[in-house]
């Protein structure tokens, strides 16, 4: 998958971004991500099989220029129960192939 170069802040982020570019449908991964709500934060793990990866344009930001494009890297996973879930990559997401 071709993506726009990103400049990682940590070694873990660099490894996860590299793995993201190499993911193929059928790969089994574990995504560890940090959830923050207010002042609380905790980690969550999502394990599943990659259905597909994509870079999606979105409009989550308020009052931005109309031509200011914002993108997110997404992984669609099928969990062991058959449930489909989406993981959005950020600087706190750690991917591991299992």
PDB file of N, CA and C in Angstrom:
ATOM      1  N   UNK A   1       0.854  -1.174   0.000  1.00  0.00           N
ATOM      2  CA  UNK A   1       0.000   0.000   0.000  1.00  0.00           C
ATOM      3  C   UNK A   1       0.902   1.239   0.000  1.00  0.00           C
ATOM      4  N   UNK A   2       0.646   2.167  -0.886  1.00  0.00           N
ATOM      5  CA  UNK A   2       1.405   3.419  -0.917  1.00  0.00           C
ATOM      6  C   UNK A   2       0.751   4.425   0.009  1.00  0.00           C
ATOM      7  N   UNK A   3       1.568   4.988   0.908  1.00  0.00           N
ATOM      8  CA  UNK A   3       1.057   5.996   1.824  1.00  0.00           C
ATOM      9  C   UNK A   3       1.985   7.195   1.806  1.00  0.00           C
ATOM     10  N   UNK A   4       1.481   8.301   2.258  1.00  0.00           N
ATOM     11  CA  UNK A   4       2.283   9.505   2.371  1.00  0.00           C
ATOM     12  C   UNK A   4       3.276   9.299   3.500  1.00  0.00           C
ATOM     13  N   UNK A   5       4.557   9.681   3.321  1.00  0.00           N
ATOM     14  CA  UNK A   5       5.517   9.452   4.396  1.00  0.00           C
ATOM     15  C   UNK A   5       5.106  10.164   5.674  1.00  0.00           C
ATOM     16  N   UNK A   6       5.243   9.458   6.771  1.00  0.00           N
ATOM     17  CA  UNK A   6       4.979  10.040   8.082  1.00  0.00           C
ATOM     18  C   UNK A   6       6.281   9.987   8.869  1.00  0.00           C
ATOM     19  N   UNK A   7       6.481  10.910   9.752  1.00  0.00           N
ATOM     20  CA  UNK A   7       7.707  10.980  10.525  1.00  0.00           C
ATOM     21  C   UNK A   7       7.408  10.517  11.940  1.00  0.00           C
ATOM     22  N   UNK A   8       7.785   9.261  12.256  1.00  0.00           N
ATOM     23  CA  UNK A   8       7.429   8.692  13.551  1.00  0.00           C
ATOM     24  C   UNK A   8       8.137   9.386  14.706  1.00  0.00           C
ATOM     25  N   UNK A   9       7.459   9.394  15.856  1.00  0.00           N
ATOM     26  CA  UNK A   9       8.021   9.992  17.054  1.00  0.00           C
ATOM     27  C   UNK A   9       8.845   8.996  17.852  1.00  0.00           C
ATOM     28  N   UNK A  10       8.492   7.714  17.771  1.00  0.00           N
ATOM     29  CA  UNK A  10       9.182   6.685  18.537  1.00  0.00           C
ATOM     30  C   UNK A  10       9.561   5.529  17.616  1.00  0.00           C
ATOM     31  N   UNK A  11      10.441   4.669  18.104  1.00  0.00           N
ATOM     32  CA  UNK A  11      10.826   3.480  17.346  1.00  0.00           C
ATOM     33  C   UNK A  11       9.633   2.545  17.168  1.00  0.00           C
ATOM     34  N   UNK A  12       8.809   2.394  18.217  1.00  0.00           N
ATOM     35  CA  UNK A  12       7.622   1.532  18.130  1.00  0.00           C
ATOM     36  C   UNK A  12       6.669   2.021  17.046  1.00  0.00           C
ATOM     37  N   UNK A  13       6.510   3.337  16.952  1.00  0.00           N
ATOM     38  CA  UNK A  13       5.635   3.886  15.911  1.00  0.00           C
ATOM     39  C   UNK A  13       6.211   3.622  14.530  1.00  0.00           C
ATOM     40  N   UNK A  14       7.521   3.751  14.387  1.00  0.00           N
ATOM     41  CA  UNK A  14       8.170   3.493  13.098  1.00  0.00           C
ATOM     42  C   UNK A  14       7.961   2.038  12.669  1.00  0.00           C
ATOM     43  N   UNK A  15       8.123   1.114  13.599  1.00  0.00           N
ATOM     44  CA  UNK A  15       7.931  -0.310  13.298  1.00  0.00           C
ATOM     45  C   UNK A  15       6.475  -0.589  12.927  1.00  0.00           C
ATOM     46  N   UNK A  16       5.535  -0.006  13.668  1.00  0.00           N
ATOM     47  CA  UNK A  16       4.105  -0.221  13.387  1.00  0.00           C
ATOM     48  C   UNK A  16       3.711   0.354  12.033  1.00  0.00           C
ATOM     49  N   UNK A  17       4.205   1.531  11.694  1.00  0.00           N
ATOM     50  CA  UNK A  17       3.879   2.133  10.388  1.00  0.00           C
ATOM     51  C   UNK A  17       4.457   1.304   9.250  1.00  0.00           C
ATOM     52  N   UNK A  18       5.670   0.772   9.462  1.00  0.00           N
ATOM     53  CA  UNK A  18       6.277  -0.082   8.442  1.00  0.00           C
ATOM     54  C   UNK A  18       5.447  -1.351   8.256  1.00  0.00           C
ATOM     55  N   UNK A  19       5.026  -1.958   9.362  1.00  0.00           N
ATOM     56  CA  UNK A  19       4.196  -3.158   9.275  1.00  0.00           C
ATOM     57  C   UNK A  19       2.860  -2.849   8.601  1.00  0.00           C
ATOM     58  N   UNK A  20       2.278  -1.687   8.891  1.00  0.00           N
ATOM     59  CA  UNK A  20       1.007  -1.296   8.269  1.00  0.00           C
ATOM     60  C   UNK A  20       1.127  -1.304   6.743  1.00  0.00           C
ATOM     61  N   UNK A  21       2.244  -0.802   6.222  1.00  0.00           N
ATOM     62  CA  UNK A  21       2.417  -0.738   4.768  1.00  0.00           C
ATOM     63  C   UNK A  21       2.565  -2.124   4.151  1.00  0.00           C
ATOM     64  N   UNK A  22       2.934  -3.127   4.962  1.00  0.00           N
ATOM     65  CA  UNK A  22       3.165  -4.480   4.450  1.00  0.00           C
ATOM     66  C   UNK A  22       2.008  -5.438   4.709  1.00  0.00           C
ATOM     67  N   UNK A  23       0.966  -4.982   5.406  1.00  0.00           N
ATOM     68  CA  UNK A  23      -0.148  -5.869   5.720  1.00  0.00           C
ATOM     69  C   UNK A  23      -0.914  -6.272   4.468  1.00  0.00           C
ATOM     70  N   UNK A  24      -1.300  -7.538   4.443  1.00  0.00           N
ATOM     71  CA  UNK A  24      -2.084  -8.081   3.340  1.00  0.00           C
ATOM     72  C   UNK A  24      -3.323  -8.751   3.925  1.00  0.00           C
ATOM     73  N   UNK A  25      -4.415  -8.823   3.151  1.00  0.00           N
ATOM     74  CA  UNK A  25      -5.594  -9.545   3.633  1.00  0.00           C
ATOM     75  C   UNK A  25      -5.207 -10.976   4.024  1.00  0.00           C
ATOM     76  N   UNK A  26      -5.712 -11.402   5.172  1.00  0.00           N
ATOM     77  CA  UNK A  26      -5.389 -12.736   5.673  1.00  0.00           C
ATOM     78  C   UNK A  26      -4.328 -12.731   6.759  1.00  0.00           C
ATOM     79  N   UNK A  27      -3.560 -11.651   6.889  1.00  0.00           N
ATOM     80  CA  UNK A  27      -2.562 -11.557   7.953  1.00  0.00           C
ATOM     81  C   UNK A  27      -3.271 -11.474   9.303  1.00  0.00           C
ATOM     82  N   UNK A  28      -2.717 -12.142  10.283  1.00  0.00           N
ATOM     83  CA  UNK A  28      -3.286 -12.100  11.638  1.00  0.00           C
ATOM     84  C   UNK A  28      -2.416 -11.164  12.468  1.00  0.00           C
ATOM     85  N   UNK A  29      -3.062 -10.171  13.100  1.00  0.00           N
ATOM     86  CA  UNK A  29      -2.317  -9.166  13.863  1.00  0.00           C
ATOM     87  C   UNK A  29      -2.945  -8.919  15.228  1.00  0.00           C
ATOM     88  N   UNK A  30      -2.145  -8.295  16.077  1.00  0.00           N
ATOM     89  CA  UNK A  30      -2.613  -7.781  17.364  1.00  0.00           C
ATOM     90  C   UNK A  30      -2.332  -6.290  17.351  1.00  0.00           C
ATOM     91  N   UNK A  31      -3.349  -5.487  17.557  1.00  0.00           N
ATOM     92  CA  UNK A  31      -3.206  -4.031  17.621  1.00  0.00           C
ATOM     93  C   UNK A  31      -3.412  -3.601  19.066  1.00  0.00           C
ATOM     94  N   UNK A  32      -2.391  -2.994  19.644  1.00  0.00           N
ATOM     95  CA  UNK A  32      -2.495  -2.454  20.996  1.00  0.00           C
ATOM     96  C   UNK A  32      -2.610  -0.945  20.843  1.00  0.00           C
ATOM     97  N   UNK A  33      -3.685  -0.373  21.360  1.00  0.00           N
ATOM     98  CA  UNK A  33      -3.876   1.059  21.200  1.00  0.00           C
ATOM     99  C   UNK A  33      -4.254   1.679  22.525  1.00  0.00           C
ATOM    100  N   UNK A  34      -3.954   2.951  22.649  1.00  0.00           N
ATOM    101  CA  UNK A  34      -4.234   3.687  23.871  1.00  0.00           C
ATOM    102  C   UNK A  34      -5.544   4.435  23.708  1.00  0.00           C
ATOM    103  N   UNK A  35      -6.418   4.275  24.696  1.00  0.00           N
ATOM    104  CA  UNK A  35      -7.710   4.956  24.694  1.00  0.00           C
ATOM    105  C   UNK A  35      -7.640   6.055  25.739  1.00  0.00           C
ATOM    106  N   UNK A  36      -8.001   7.272  25.337  1.00  0.00           N
ATOM    107  CA  UNK A  36      -7.984   8.391  26.271  1.00  0.00           C
ATOM    108  C   UNK A  36      -9.361   9.033  26.316  1.00  0.00           C
ATOM    109  N   UNK A  37      -9.871   9.207  27.523  1.00  0.00           N
ATOM    110  CA  UNK A  37     -11.124   9.921  27.733  1.00  0.00           C
ATOM    111  C   UNK A  37     -10.877  10.857  28.910  1.00  0.00           C
ATOM    112  N   UNK A  38     -10.892  12.154  28.632  1.00  0.00           N
ATOM    113  CA  UNK A  38     -10.590  13.123  29.684  1.00  0.00           C
ATOM    114  C   UNK A  38      -9.179  12.920  30.183  1.00  0.00           C
ATOM    115  N   UNK A  39      -9.015  12.770  31.470  1.00  0.00           N
ATOM    116  CA  UNK A  39      -7.699  12.552  32.061  1.00  0.00           C
ATOM    117  C   UNK A  39      -7.374  11.072  32.226  1.00  0.00           C
ATOM    118  N   UNK A  40      -8.326  10.209  31.926  1.00  0.00           N
ATOM    119  CA  UNK A  40      -8.097   8.775  32.052  1.00  0.00           C
ATOM    120  C   UNK A  40      -7.558   8.209  30.752  1.00  0.00           C
ATOM    121  N   UNK A  41      -6.675   7.214  30.883  1.00  0.00           N
ATOM    122  CA  UNK A  41      -6.188   6.508  29.700  1.00  0.00           C
ATOM    123  C   UNK A  41      -5.931   5.058  30.061  1.00  0.00           C
ATOM    124  N   UNK A  42      -6.172   4.178  29.090  1.00  0.00           N
ATOM    125  CA  UNK A  42      -5.924   2.763  29.280  1.00  0.00           C
ATOM    126  C   UNK A  42      -5.589   2.169  27.926  1.00  0.00           C
ATOM    127  N   UNK A  43      -5.037   0.957  27.946  1.00  0.00           N
ATOM    128  CA  UNK A  43      -4.701   0.302  26.685  1.00  0.00           C
ATOM    129  C   UNK A  43      -5.721  -0.784  26.388  1.00  0.00           C
ATOM    130  N   UNK A  44      -5.931  -1.006  25.114  1.00  0.00           N
ATOM    131  CA  UNK A  44      -6.847  -2.042  24.649  1.00  0.00           C
ATOM    132  C   UNK A  44      -6.140  -2.835  23.555  1.00  0.00           C
ATOM    133  N   UNK A  45      -6.388  -4.126  23.515  1.00  0.00           N
ATOM    134  CA  UNK A  45      -5.808  -4.981  22.481  1.00  0.00           C
ATOM    135  C   UNK A  45      -6.914  -5.519  21.605  1.00  0.00           C
ATOM    136  N   UNK A  46      -6.681  -5.486  20.311  1.00  0.00           N
ATOM    137  CA  UNK A  46      -7.620  -6.033  19.338  1.00  0.00           C
ATOM    138  C   UNK A  46      -6.861  -7.050  18.500  1.00  0.00           C
ATOM    139  N   UNK A  47      -7.357  -8.266  18.456  1.00  0.00           N
ATOM    140  CA  UNK A  47      -6.719  -9.333  17.693  1.00  0.00           C
ATOM    141  C   UNK A  47      -7.678  -9.777  16.603  1.00  0.00           C
ATOM    142  N   UNK A  48      -7.147  -9.929  15.394  1.00  0.00           N
ATOM    143  CA  UNK A  48      -7.997 -10.376  14.306  1.00  0.00           C
ATOM    144  C   UNK A  48      -7.229 -10.583  13.021  1.00  0.00           C
ATOM    145  N   UNK A  49      -7.965 -10.925  11.987  1.00  0.00           N
ATOM    146  CA  UNK A  49      -7.413 -11.170  10.657  1.00  0.00           C
ATOM    147  C   UNK A  49      -7.724  -9.963   9.782  1.00  0.00           C
ATOM    148  N   UNK A  50      -6.719  -9.483   9.076  1.00  0.00           N
ATOM    149  CA  UNK A  50      -6.863  -8.295   8.232  1.00  0.00           C
ATOM    150  C   UNK A  50      -7.803  -8.600   7.070  1.00  0.00           C
ATOM    151  N   UNK A  51      -8.826  -7.771   6.919  1.00  0.00           N
ATOM    152  CA  UNK A  51      -9.718  -7.848   5.762  1.00  0.00           C
ATOM    153  C   UNK A  51      -9.179  -6.907   4.689  1.00  0.00           C
ATOM    154  N   UNK A  52      -8.902  -5.658   5.075  1.00  0.00           N
ATOM    155  CA  UNK A  52      -8.195  -4.731   4.193  1.00  0.00           C
ATOM    156  C   UNK A  52      -7.698  -3.523   4.977  1.00  0.00           C
ATOM    157  N   UNK A  53      -6.760  -2.819   4.365  1.00  0.00           N
ATOM    158  CA  UNK A  53      -6.184  -1.591   4.932  1.00  0.00           C
ATOM    159  C   UNK A  53      -6.421  -0.469   3.936  1.00  0.00           C
ATOM    160  N   UNK A  54      -6.594   0.715   4.452  1.00  0.00           N
ATOM    161  CA  UNK A  54      -6.789   1.853   3.553  1.00  0.00           C
ATOM    162  C   UNK A  54      -6.431   3.155   4.247  1.00  0.00           C
ATOM    163  N   UNK A  55      -6.193   4.157   3.448  1.00  0.00           N
ATOM    164  CA  UNK A  55      -6.038   5.524   3.931  1.00  0.00           C
ATOM    165  C   UNK A  55      -7.318   6.243   3.527  1.00  0.00           C
ATOM    166  N   UNK A  56      -8.076   6.714   4.522  1.00  0.00           N
ATOM    167  CA  UNK A  56      -9.390   7.295   4.268  1.00  0.00           C
ATOM    168  C   UNK A  56      -9.391   8.783   4.597  1.00  0.00           C
ATOM    169  N   UNK A  57      -9.957   9.553   3.689  1.00  0.00           N
ATOM    170  CA  UNK A  57     -10.124  10.985   3.939  1.00  0.00           C
ATOM    171  C   UNK A  57     -11.355  11.186   4.811  1.00  0.00           C
ATOM    172  N   UNK A  58     -11.251  12.087   5.761  1.00  0.00           N
ATOM    173  CA  UNK A  58     -12.397  12.337   6.628  1.00  0.00           C
ATOM    174  C   UNK A  58     -12.502  13.819   6.947  1.00  0.00           C
ATOM    175  N   UNK A  59     -13.594  14.180   7.592  1.00  0.00           N
ATOM    176  CA  UNK A  59     -13.840  15.563   7.955  1.00  0.00           C
ATOM    177  C   UNK A  59     -14.079  15.706   9.441  1.00  0.00           C
ATOM    178  N   UNK A  60     -13.192  15.119  10.232  1.00  0.00           N
ATOM    179  CA  UNK A  60     -13.379  15.137  11.675  1.00  0.00           C
ATOM    180  C   UNK A  60     -12.968  16.448  12.325  1.00  0.00           C
ATOM    181  N   UNK A  61     -12.318  17.304  11.586  1.00  0.00           N
ATOM    182  CA  UNK A  61     -11.789  18.526  12.184  1.00  0.00           C
ATOM    183  C   UNK A  61     -12.724  19.699  11.901  1.00  0.00           C
ATOM    184  N   UNK A  62     -12.974  20.487  12.873  1.00  0.00           N
ATOM    185  CA  UNK A  62     -13.930  21.577  12.815  1.00  0.00           C
ATOM    186  C   UNK A  62     -13.247  22.845  12.325  1.00  0.00           C
ATOM    187  N   UNK A  63     -13.918  23.544  11.409  1.00  0.00           N
ATOM    188  CA  UNK A  63     -13.468  24.829  10.885  1.00  0.00           C
ATOM    189  C   UNK A  63     -12.082  24.790  10.248  1.00  0.00           C
ATOM    190  N   UNK A  64     -11.872  23.838   9.383  1.00  0.00           N
ATOM    191  CA  UNK A  64     -10.627  23.777   8.623  1.00  0.00           C
ATOM    192  C   UNK A  64     -10.893  24.322   7.230  1.00  0.00           C
ATOM    193  N   UNK A  65      -9.859  24.646   6.525  1.00  0.00           N
ATOM    194  CA  UNK A  65      -9.988  25.075   5.142  1.00  0.00           C
ATOM    195  C   UNK A  65     -10.645  23.965   4.332  1.00  0.00           C
ATOM    196  N   UNK A  66     -11.460  24.322   3.372  1.00  0.00           N
ATOM    197  CA  UNK A  66     -12.162  23.315   2.574  1.00  0.00           C
ATOM    198  C   UNK A  66     -11.202  22.457   1.762  1.00  0.00           C
ATOM    199  N   UNK A  67     -10.002  22.949   1.438  1.00  0.00           N
ATOM    200  CA  UNK A  67      -9.049  22.168   0.658  1.00  0.00           C
ATOM    201  C   UNK A  67      -7.959  21.545   1.534  1.00  0.00           C
ATOM    202  N   UNK A  68      -8.085  21.643   2.841  1.00  0.00           N
ATOM    203  CA  UNK A  68      -7.137  21.045   3.774  1.00  0.00           C
ATOM    204  C   UNK A  68      -7.540  19.595   3.981  1.00  0.00           C
ATOM    205  N   UNK A  69      -6.810  18.683   3.364  1.00  0.00           N
ATOM    206  CA  UNK A  69      -7.189  17.277   3.387  1.00  0.00           C
ATOM    207  C   UNK A  69      -6.637  16.590   4.641  1.00  0.00           C
ATOM    208  N   UNK A  70      -7.491  15.834   5.327  1.00  0.00           N
ATOM    209  CA  UNK A  70      -7.114  15.102   6.528  1.00  0.00           C
ATOM    210  C   UNK A  70      -7.380  13.624   6.258  1.00  0.00           C
ATOM    211  N   UNK A  71      -6.381  12.780   6.517  1.00  0.00           N
ATOM    212  CA  UNK A  71      -6.484  11.353   6.247  1.00  0.00           C
ATOM    213  C   UNK A  71      -6.180  10.550   7.495  1.00  0.00           C
ATOM    214  N   UNK A  72      -6.744   9.347   7.567  1.00  0.00           N
ATOM    215  CA  UNK A  72      -6.447   8.391   8.629  1.00  0.00           C
ATOM    216  C   UNK A  72      -6.141   7.039   8.002  1.00  0.00           C
ATOM    217  N   UNK A  73      -5.188   6.313   8.598  1.00  0.00           N
ATOM    218  CA  UNK A  73      -4.879   4.955   8.166  1.00  0.00           C
ATOM    219  C   UNK A  73      -5.762   4.003   8.960  1.00  0.00           C
ATOM    220  N   UNK A  74      -6.511   3.150   8.245  1.00  0.00           N
ATOM    221  CA  UNK A  74      -7.476   2.243   8.872  1.00  0.00           C
ATOM    222  C   UNK A  74      -7.157   0.796   8.548  1.00  0.00           C
ATOM    223  N   UNK A  75      -7.423  -0.066   9.516  1.00  0.00           N
ATOM    224  CA  UNK A  75      -7.309  -1.509   9.309  1.00  0.00           C
ATOM    225  C   UNK A  75      -8.667  -2.112   9.655  1.00  0.00           C
ATOM    226  N   UNK A  76      -9.257  -2.817   8.704  1.00  0.00           N
ATOM    227  CA  UNK A  76     -10.508  -3.535   8.954  1.00  0.00           C
ATOM    228  C   UNK A  76     -10.130  -4.963   9.330  1.00  0.00           C
ATOM    229  N   UNK A  77     -10.526  -5.382  10.553  1.00  0.00           N
ATOM    230  CA  UNK A  77     -10.190  -6.710  11.069  1.00  0.00           C
ATOM    231  C   UNK A  77     -11.443  -7.547  11.267  1.00  0.00           C
ATOM    232  N   UNK A  78     -11.281  -8.857  11.035  1.00  0.00           N
ATOM    233  CA  UNK A  78     -12.328  -9.811  11.384  1.00  0.00           C
ATOM    234  C   UNK A  78     -11.841 -10.530  12.633  1.00  0.00           C
ATOM    235  N   UNK A  79     -12.580 -10.332  13.731  1.00  0.00           N
ATOM    236  CA  UNK A  79     -12.215 -10.970  14.994  1.00  0.00           C
ATOM    237  C   UNK A  79     -12.602 -12.441  14.971  1.00  0.00           C
ATOM    238  N   UNK A  80     -12.138 -13.204  15.944  1.00  0.00           N
ATOM    239  CA  UNK A  80     -12.408 -14.646  15.990  1.00  0.00           C
ATOM    240  C   UNK A  80     -13.900 -14.955  16.040  1.00  0.00           C
ATOM    241  N   UNK A  81     -14.695 -14.052  16.608  1.00  0.00           N
ATOM    242  CA  UNK A  81     -16.145 -14.253  16.701  1.00  0.00           C
ATOM    243  C   UNK A  81     -16.860 -13.976  15.372  1.00  0.00           C
ATOM    244  N   UNK A  82     -16.123 -13.469  14.369  1.00  0.00           N
ATOM    245  CA  UNK A  82     -16.728 -13.114  13.091  1.00  0.00           C
ATOM    246  C   UNK A  82     -17.065 -11.637  12.989  1.00  0.00           C
ATOM    247  N   UNK A  83     -16.992 -10.938  14.112  1.00  0.00           N
ATOM    248  CA  UNK A  83     -17.281  -9.502  14.159  1.00  0.00           C
ATOM    249  C   UNK A  83     -16.241  -8.732  13.346  1.00  0.00           C
ATOM    250  N   UNK A  84     -16.696  -7.725  12.600  1.00  0.00           N
ATOM    251  CA  UNK A  84     -15.789  -6.822  11.894  1.00  0.00           C
ATOM    252  C   UNK A  84     -15.552  -5.594  12.760  1.00  0.00           C
ATOM    253  N   UNK A  85     -14.303  -5.174  12.860  1.00  0.00           N
ATOM    254  CA  UNK A  85     -13.976  -3.977  13.633  1.00  0.00           C
ATOM    255  C   UNK A  85     -12.912  -3.186  12.892  1.00  0.00           C
ATOM    256  N   UNK A  86     -12.894  -1.893  13.118  1.00  0.00           N
ATOM    257  CA  UNK A  86     -11.934  -1.007  12.462  1.00  0.00           C
ATOM    258  C   UNK A  86     -10.982  -0.442  13.503  1.00  0.00           C
ATOM    259  N   UNK A  87      -9.690  -0.502  13.197  1.00  0.00           N
ATOM    260  CA  UNK A  87      -8.673   0.103  14.040  1.00  0.00           C
ATOM    261  C   UNK A  87      -8.099   1.276  13.255  1.00  0.00           C
ATOM    262  N   UNK A  88      -8.111   2.451  13.862  1.00  0.00           N
ATOM    263  CA  UNK A  88      -7.530   3.639  13.246  1.00  0.00           C
ATOM    264  C   UNK A  88      -6.137   3.836  13.830  1.00  0.00           C
ATOM    265  N   UNK A  89      -5.150   3.901  12.961  1.00  0.00           N
ATOM    266  CA  UNK A  89      -3.758   4.050  13.401  1.00  0.00           C
ATOM    267  C   UNK A  89      -3.521   5.468  13.910  1.00  0.00           C
ATOM    268  N   UNK A  90      -2.806   5.567  15.018  1.00  0.00           N
ATOM    269  CA  UNK A  90      -2.306   6.851  15.486  1.00  0.00           C
ATOM    270  C   UNK A  90      -0.919   6.617  16.083  1.00  0.00           C
ATOM    271  N   UNK A  91      -0.341   7.625  16.699  1.00  0.00           N
ATOM    272  CA  UNK A  91       1.028   7.499  17.198  1.00  0.00           C
ATOM    273  C   UNK A  91       1.145   6.554  18.386  1.00  0.00           C
ATOM    274  N   UNK A  92       0.028   6.158  18.988  1.00  0.00           N
ATOM    275  CA  UNK A  92       0.046   5.252  20.140  1.00  0.00           C
ATOM    276  C   UNK A  92      -0.289   3.816  19.780  1.00  0.00           C
ATOM    277  N   UNK A  93      -0.593   3.535  18.515  1.00  0.00           N
ATOM    278  CA  UNK A  93      -0.964   2.199  18.079  1.00  0.00           C
ATOM    279  C   UNK A  93       0.293   1.370  17.838  1.00  0.00           C
ATOM    280  N   UNK A  94       0.313   0.183  18.419  1.00  0.00           N
ATOM    281  CA  UNK A  94       1.431  -0.745  18.223  1.00  0.00           C
ATOM    282  C   UNK A  94       0.873  -1.995  17.543  1.00  0.00           C
ATOM    283  N   UNK A  95       1.406  -2.317  16.360  1.00  0.00           N
ATOM    284  CA  UNK A  95       0.968  -3.499  15.627  1.00  0.00           C
ATOM    285  C   UNK A  95       1.987  -4.613  15.800  1.00  0.00           C
ATOM    286  N   UNK A  96       1.462  -5.831  15.872  1.00  0.00           N
ATOM    287  CA  UNK A  96       2.330  -6.998  15.970  1.00  0.00           C
ATOM    288  C   UNK A  96       1.687  -8.124  15.161  1.00  0.00           C
ATOM    289  N   UNK A  97       2.481  -8.748  14.316  1.00  0.00           N
ATOM    290  CA  UNK A  97       1.991  -9.883  13.526  1.00  0.00           C
ATOM    291  C   UNK A  97       2.022 -11.125  14.414  1.00  0.00           C
ATOM    292  N   UNK A  98       0.922 -11.882  14.412  1.00  0.00           N
ATOM    293  CA  UNK A  98       0.898 -13.102  15.235  1.00  0.00           C
ATOM    294  C   UNK A  98       0.594 -14.317  14.375  1.00  0.00           C
TER     295      UNK A  98
END
